[in-house]
Amino acid sequence: MSDTAGTVTRVEPRPPGFVTDLVYECLPWLPKPYLLLEELVFDDGCILISVPAGFRCDLASVPKIAQAVVPKHELDYAGAVHDYLYDQAYDKDVADRLFYLIARSHEQTGRFRGRLAWRAVQIGGWPAWWKHWRERRT
């Protein structure tokens, strides 16, 4: 995975529940530097979420200090879906819980590190969620 400008990245392995791969281009000069080049579809049989191609996000904005415990690339799929749910002003608790379920299903992340990332999102996600909620309500 690369954060070099113009680099197209296909993230593998695909976590359980995803029907498509995460394919994005890095545009580091933008506030949300990752542009999805293909639709990202999550379908676990109960929940169906389609993140459209062209959606811009920051994937999982893991603080540098926390990346020693939970490397950012392990959360790319969870981060893309979570960013989309926040952008669409979905219920914050639902978006955060789905982030956790996707993060912990990654073969390298596991429950402990998935829970740690989830707690960080629960605590640090409020400003972003409120911003999108206000924009959708006005």
Protein backbone atom coordinates (compact mmCIF):
# COMPACT_ATOMS: atom_id res chain seq x y z
CA MET A 1 0.00 0.00 0.00
CA SER A 2 1.28 3.40 -0.91
CA ASP A 3 0.36 6.96 -0.10
CA THR A 4 2.26 8.33 -3.09
CA ALA A 5 0.34 10.81 -5.24
CA GLY A 6 -1.45 9.20 -8.14
CA THR A 7 -0.82 5.65 -6.94
CA VAL A 8 -3.68 3.24 -7.58
CA THR A 9 -3.99 0.64 -4.82
CA ARG A 10 -6.03 -2.56 -4.67
CA VAL A 11 -6.21 -3.66 -1.03
CA GLU A 12 -5.94 -7.38 -0.35
CA PRO A 13 -6.92 -9.60 1.32
CA ARG A 14 -10.60 -8.76 1.19
CA PRO A 15 -12.24 -9.13 4.65
CA PRO A 16 -15.30 -11.39 5.04
CA GLY A 17 -18.55 -9.78 3.91
CA PHE A 18 -17.07 -7.73 1.09
CA VAL A 19 -18.21 -8.56 -2.43
CA THR A 20 -15.72 -6.22 -4.13
CA ASP A 21 -12.14 -5.13 -3.57
CA LEU A 22 -11.18 -1.73 -2.18
CA VAL A 23 -9.53 0.14 -5.06
CA TYR A 24 -8.47 3.73 -4.56
CA GLU A 25 -6.16 6.45 -5.79
CA CYS A 26 -4.15 8.55 -3.37
CA LEU A 27 -4.51 12.34 -3.78
CA PRO A 28 -2.50 13.55 -0.74
CA TRP A 29 -3.14 17.27 -1.31
CA LEU A 30 -6.87 16.86 -0.53
CA PRO A 31 -8.37 16.81 2.99
CA LYS A 32 -9.90 13.42 2.18
CA PRO A 33 -7.02 12.02 0.15
CA TYR A 34 -8.39 8.66 -1.01
CA LEU A 35 -10.65 8.50 -4.06
CA LEU A 36 -12.50 5.21 -4.55
CA LEU A 37 -12.11 4.11 -8.16
CA GLU A 38 -14.58 1.22 -7.94
CA GLU A 39 -17.77 0.65 -6.00
CA LEU A 40 -17.12 -1.01 -2.63
CA VAL A 41 -19.87 -3.45 -1.62
CA PHE A 42 -20.33 -4.98 1.83
CA ASP A 43 -22.98 -7.71 2.09
CA ASP A 44 -22.88 -10.09 5.03
CA GLY A 45 -26.37 -11.46 4.41
CA CYS A 46 -27.99 -9.02 6.89
CA ILE A 47 -26.46 -5.68 5.98
CA LEU A 48 -25.90 -4.36 2.47
CA ILE A 49 -23.85 -1.20 2.01
CA SER A 50 -22.65 0.15 -1.31
CA VAL A 51 -20.00 2.86 -1.25
CA PRO A 52 -20.02 4.45 -4.71
CA ALA A 53 -17.00 4.90 -6.96
CA GLY A 54 -15.90 8.52 -6.73
CA PHE A 55 -16.41 8.72 -2.97
CA ARG A 56 -13.54 10.55 -1.20
CA CYS A 57 -12.50 9.54 2.30
CA ASP A 58 -9.58 9.37 4.68
CA LEU A 59 -10.01 5.60 5.25
CA ALA A 60 -9.05 4.99 8.86
CA SER A 61 -7.39 8.05 10.32
CA VAL A 62 -5.38 6.20 12.92
CA PRO A 63 -3.15 8.47 15.03
CA LYS A 64 0.56 7.75 14.48
CA ILE A 65 1.04 6.62 18.07
CA ALA A 66 -1.76 4.03 17.74
CA GLN A 67 -0.39 2.65 14.46
CA ALA A 68 2.17 0.68 16.47
CA VAL A 69 -0.73 -1.36 17.87
CA VAL A 70 -3.20 -1.26 14.96
CA PRO A 71 -1.52 -0.60 11.58
CA LYS A 72 -3.62 1.72 9.40
CA HIS A 73 -3.78 -0.66 6.43
CA GLU A 74 -5.64 -3.26 8.50
CA LEU A 75 -8.53 -0.82 8.83
CA ASP A 76 -8.84 0.40 5.23
CA TYR A 77 -12.04 -1.52 4.42
CA ALA A 78 -13.65 -0.68 7.77
CA GLY A 79 -12.57 2.96 7.42
CA ALA A 80 -14.03 3.37 3.93
CA VAL A 81 -17.45 2.03 4.98
CA HIS A 82 -17.37 4.02 8.23
CA ASP A 83 -16.49 7.26 6.41
CA TYR A 84 -19.36 6.69 3.99
CA LEU A 85 -21.87 6.06 6.80
CA TYR A 86 -20.74 9.24 8.57
CA ASP A 87 -20.94 11.16 5.29
CA GLN A 88 -24.53 9.98 4.85
CA ALA A 89 -25.32 10.91 8.49
CA TYR A 90 -26.22 7.37 9.52
CA ASP A 91 -26.69 6.76 13.23
CA LYS A 92 -23.24 7.13 14.83
CA ASP A 93 -23.59 4.06 17.06
CA VAL A 94 -24.54 1.90 14.06
CA ALA A 95 -21.64 3.24 11.97
CA ASP A 96 -19.17 2.73 14.82
CA ARG A 97 -20.41 -0.80 15.55
CA LEU A 98 -20.13 -1.80 11.90
CA PHE A 99 -16.58 -0.37 11.86
CA TYR A 100 -15.78 -2.67 14.79
CA LEU A 101 -17.36 -5.75 13.18
CA ILE A 102 -15.43 -5.22 9.94
CA ALA A 103 -12.17 -4.33 11.71
CA ARG A 104 -12.18 -7.40 13.95
CA SER A 105 -12.97 -9.69 11.02
CA HIS A 106 -9.69 -8.74 9.31
CA GLU A 107 -7.43 -11.76 9.59
CA GLN A 108 -4.61 -9.78 11.23
CA THR A 109 -6.54 -7.35 13.42
CA GLY A 110 -8.55 -9.68 15.64
CA ARG A 111 -10.84 -8.83 18.53
CA PHE A 112 -8.51 -6.95 20.87
CA ARG A 113 -7.06 -4.57 18.28
CA GLY A 114 -10.44 -4.24 16.56
CA ARG A 115 -11.96 -3.21 19.89
CA LEU A 116 -9.14 -0.73 20.49
CA ALA A 117 -9.74 0.86 17.08
CA TRP A 118 -13.50 0.91 17.74
CA ARG A 119 -13.02 2.75 21.05
CA ALA A 120 -10.83 5.31 19.30
CA VAL A 121 -13.57 5.85 16.69
CA GLN A 122 -16.27 6.11 19.36
CA ILE A 123 -14.36 8.77 21.24
CA GLY A 124 -12.70 10.67 18.38
CA GLY A 125 -15.43 10.43 15.76
CA TRP A 126 -17.89 12.91 17.24
CA PRO A 127 -16.65 16.07 15.45
CA ALA A 128 -16.79 14.42 12.02
CA TRP A 129 -20.18 12.83 12.65
CA TRP A 130 -21.71 16.11 13.93
CA LYS A 131 -20.34 18.00 10.92
CA HIS A 132 -22.00 15.61 8.47
CA TRP A 133 -25.21 15.40 10.53
CA ARG A 134 -25.57 19.21 10.52
CA GLU A 135 -24.86 19.40 6.78
CA ARG A 136 -27.54 16.79 6.03
CA ARG A 137 -30.12 18.45 8.28
CA THR A 138 -29.83 21.98 6.88
